Amino acid sequence: MGGKDDKVLEFRTDSGELLLRLKMIVKSDQTSEPQKEEKKPNSGNGGGNGEKKESASGAVYPPMTDAQKRYLFRLLAANGIENDAAYAELKKTFGVDSLKDITKLEASREIEKRLAAQKGGATNGRI
């Protein structure tokens, strides 16, 4: 410890008083194989599949939540589109091969759009 690769991150108040100091020790891993990323199962917190989608600009967006997916299916069912037809409609609407590729932001915008169309422009605030 105490090598040249150690990093220290300090958090201070506006007046300069030290609040927190974090010391990070950087270790180089000289394995010949790249580390394989493990896919973690859904923790059940409604966060979709837990993977984040990266845009062309490099920004990262969280996936659509399970609640958003259920709500989109309810909105489609209200228009008589159910089961496989609903899956196909959502894939077509978002231009994806899998519903896992839909971001939380995209889902939110689509929900608002569909609510506005159903309610004649007024949304009820439930997303």
Protein backbone atom coordinates (compact mmCIF):
# COMPACT_ATOMS: atom_id res chain seq x y z
CA MET A 1 0.00 0.00 0.00
CA GLY A 2 1.03 3.59 -0.43
CA GLY A 3 2.06 3.06 -4.05
CA LYS A 4 2.06 5.63 -6.79
CA ASP A 5 -1.22 4.23 -8.17
CA ASP A 6 -3.15 5.09 -5.00
CA LYS A 7 -5.83 7.75 -5.42
CA VAL A 8 -7.37 9.98 -2.76
CA LEU A 9 -10.74 11.64 -3.15
CA GLU A 10 -11.68 14.34 -0.65
CA PHE A 11 -15.05 15.98 -0.03
CA ARG A 12 -14.91 19.40 1.60
CA THR A 13 -17.36 22.11 2.61
CA ASP A 14 -17.32 25.49 0.85
CA SER A 15 -15.12 26.78 3.66
CA GLY A 16 -12.59 23.98 3.06
CA GLU A 17 -13.41 21.78 6.07
CA LEU A 18 -12.74 18.11 5.31
CA LEU A 19 -15.94 16.03 5.33
CA LEU A 20 -14.76 12.73 3.89
CA ARG A 21 -11.56 11.24 2.48
CA LEU A 22 -11.60 8.11 0.37
CA LYS A 23 -8.41 6.26 -0.47
CA MET A 24 -8.51 4.03 -3.52
CA ILE A 25 -5.83 1.48 -4.18
CA VAL A 26 -5.44 0.73 -7.87
CA LYS A 27 -4.38 -2.82 -8.57
CA SER A 28 -3.51 -4.05 -12.03
CA ASP A 29 -4.90 -7.43 -12.90
CA GLN A 30 -2.54 -9.19 -15.27
CA THR A 31 -4.84 -12.02 -16.34
CA SER A 32 -4.55 -13.20 -19.92
CA GLU A 33 -8.32 -13.64 -20.36
CA PRO A 34 -10.66 -10.69 -20.29
CA GLN A 35 -13.08 -10.88 -17.39
CA LYS A 36 -16.50 -12.15 -18.34
CA GLU A 37 -19.36 -10.00 -17.18
CA GLU A 38 -21.98 -11.89 -15.22
CA LYS A 39 -25.60 -11.09 -15.86
CA LYS A 40 -27.35 -10.55 -12.56
CA PRO A 41 -30.94 -11.68 -12.11
CA ASN A 42 -33.62 -9.06 -11.67
CA SER A 43 -33.65 -7.96 -8.04
CA GLY A 44 -37.43 -7.58 -8.15
CA ASN A 45 -37.40 -3.83 -7.62
CA GLY A 46 -39.36 -3.13 -10.81
CA GLY A 47 -36.27 -1.93 -12.64
CA GLY A 48 -36.71 -4.04 -15.74
CA ASN A 49 -33.79 -6.27 -16.62
CA GLY A 50 -31.22 -4.12 -14.81
CA GLU A 51 -29.07 -3.54 -17.86
CA LYS A 52 -28.58 -0.04 -19.18
CA LYS A 53 -28.76 0.93 -22.82
CA GLU A 54 -26.02 3.13 -24.24
CA SER A 55 -26.94 5.70 -26.87
CA ALA A 56 -24.80 6.68 -29.84
CA SER A 57 -23.67 9.76 -27.89
CA GLY A 58 -22.39 7.56 -25.06
CA ALA A 59 -25.18 8.46 -22.62
CA VAL A 60 -26.52 5.52 -20.62
CA TYR A 61 -30.25 5.06 -19.99
CA PRO A 62 -31.96 2.62 -17.61
CA PRO A 63 -34.31 0.03 -19.12
CA MET A 64 -38.09 0.22 -19.07
CA THR A 65 -39.48 -0.90 -15.71
CA ASP A 66 -41.80 -3.85 -15.30
CA ALA A 67 -44.55 -1.45 -14.20
CA GLN A 68 -44.14 0.58 -17.40
CA LYS A 69 -44.33 -2.59 -19.49
CA ARG A 70 -47.52 -3.71 -17.73
CA TYR A 71 -49.05 -0.27 -18.18
CA LEU A 72 -48.26 -0.21 -21.90
CA PHE A 73 -49.92 -3.62 -22.26
CA ARG A 74 -53.01 -2.33 -20.39
CA LEU A 75 -53.18 0.69 -22.68
CA LEU A 76 -52.94 -1.57 -25.74
CA ALA A 77 -55.57 -3.94 -24.32
CA ALA A 78 -57.93 -0.99 -23.91
CA ASN A 79 -57.64 -0.59 -27.70
CA GLY A 80 -58.25 -4.31 -28.34
CA ILE A 81 -54.57 -5.21 -28.90
CA GLU A 82 -53.56 -8.15 -26.68
CA ASN A 83 -51.04 -10.99 -26.29
CA ASP A 84 -48.71 -11.54 -29.27
CA ALA A 85 -50.26 -8.65 -31.17
CA ALA A 86 -49.39 -6.33 -28.27
CA TYR A 87 -45.76 -7.54 -28.26
CA ALA A 88 -45.54 -7.02 -32.01
CA GLU A 89 -47.10 -3.55 -31.72
CA LEU A 90 -44.60 -2.44 -29.06
CA LYS A 91 -41.61 -3.82 -30.99
CA LYS A 92 -42.82 -2.00 -34.10
CA THR A 93 -43.55 1.24 -32.20
CA PHE A 94 -40.10 1.35 -30.60
CA GLY A 95 -38.22 -0.20 -33.53
CA VAL A 96 -36.62 -2.93 -31.40
CA ASP A 97 -36.18 -6.69 -31.62
CA SER A 98 -36.81 -7.17 -27.90
CA LEU A 99 -38.81 -5.27 -25.30
CA LYS A 100 -35.65 -5.36 -23.14
CA ASP A 101 -34.17 -2.78 -25.53
CA ILE A 102 -36.74 -0.12 -24.60
CA THR A 103 -35.47 2.53 -22.20
CA LYS A 104 -37.36 3.96 -19.25
CA LEU A 105 -37.47 7.37 -20.94
CA GLU A 106 -38.80 5.97 -24.22
CA ALA A 107 -41.49 3.99 -22.37
CA SER A 108 -42.50 7.04 -20.35
CA ARG A 109 -42.88 9.16 -23.49
CA GLU A 110 -44.93 6.47 -25.23
CA ILE A 111 -47.21 6.10 -22.19
CA GLU A 112 -47.79 9.86 -22.11
CA LYS A 113 -48.48 9.89 -25.85
CA ARG A 114 -51.00 7.04 -25.63
CA LEU A 115 -52.71 8.57 -22.59
CA ALA A 116 -53.01 11.89 -24.40
CA ALA A 117 -54.54 10.14 -27.41
CA GLN A 118 -57.03 8.22 -25.24
CA LYS A 119 -58.00 11.15 -23.06
CA GLY A 120 -58.14 13.72 -25.83
CA GLY A 121 -54.93 15.45 -24.74
CA ALA A 122 -55.28 15.29 -20.95
CA THR A 123 -53.18 12.87 -18.92
CA ASN A 124 -54.18 11.73 -15.47
CA GLY A 125 -50.63 11.76 -14.05
CA ARG A 126 -50.43 7.96 -13.63
CA ILE A 127 -47.36 6.48 -15.23
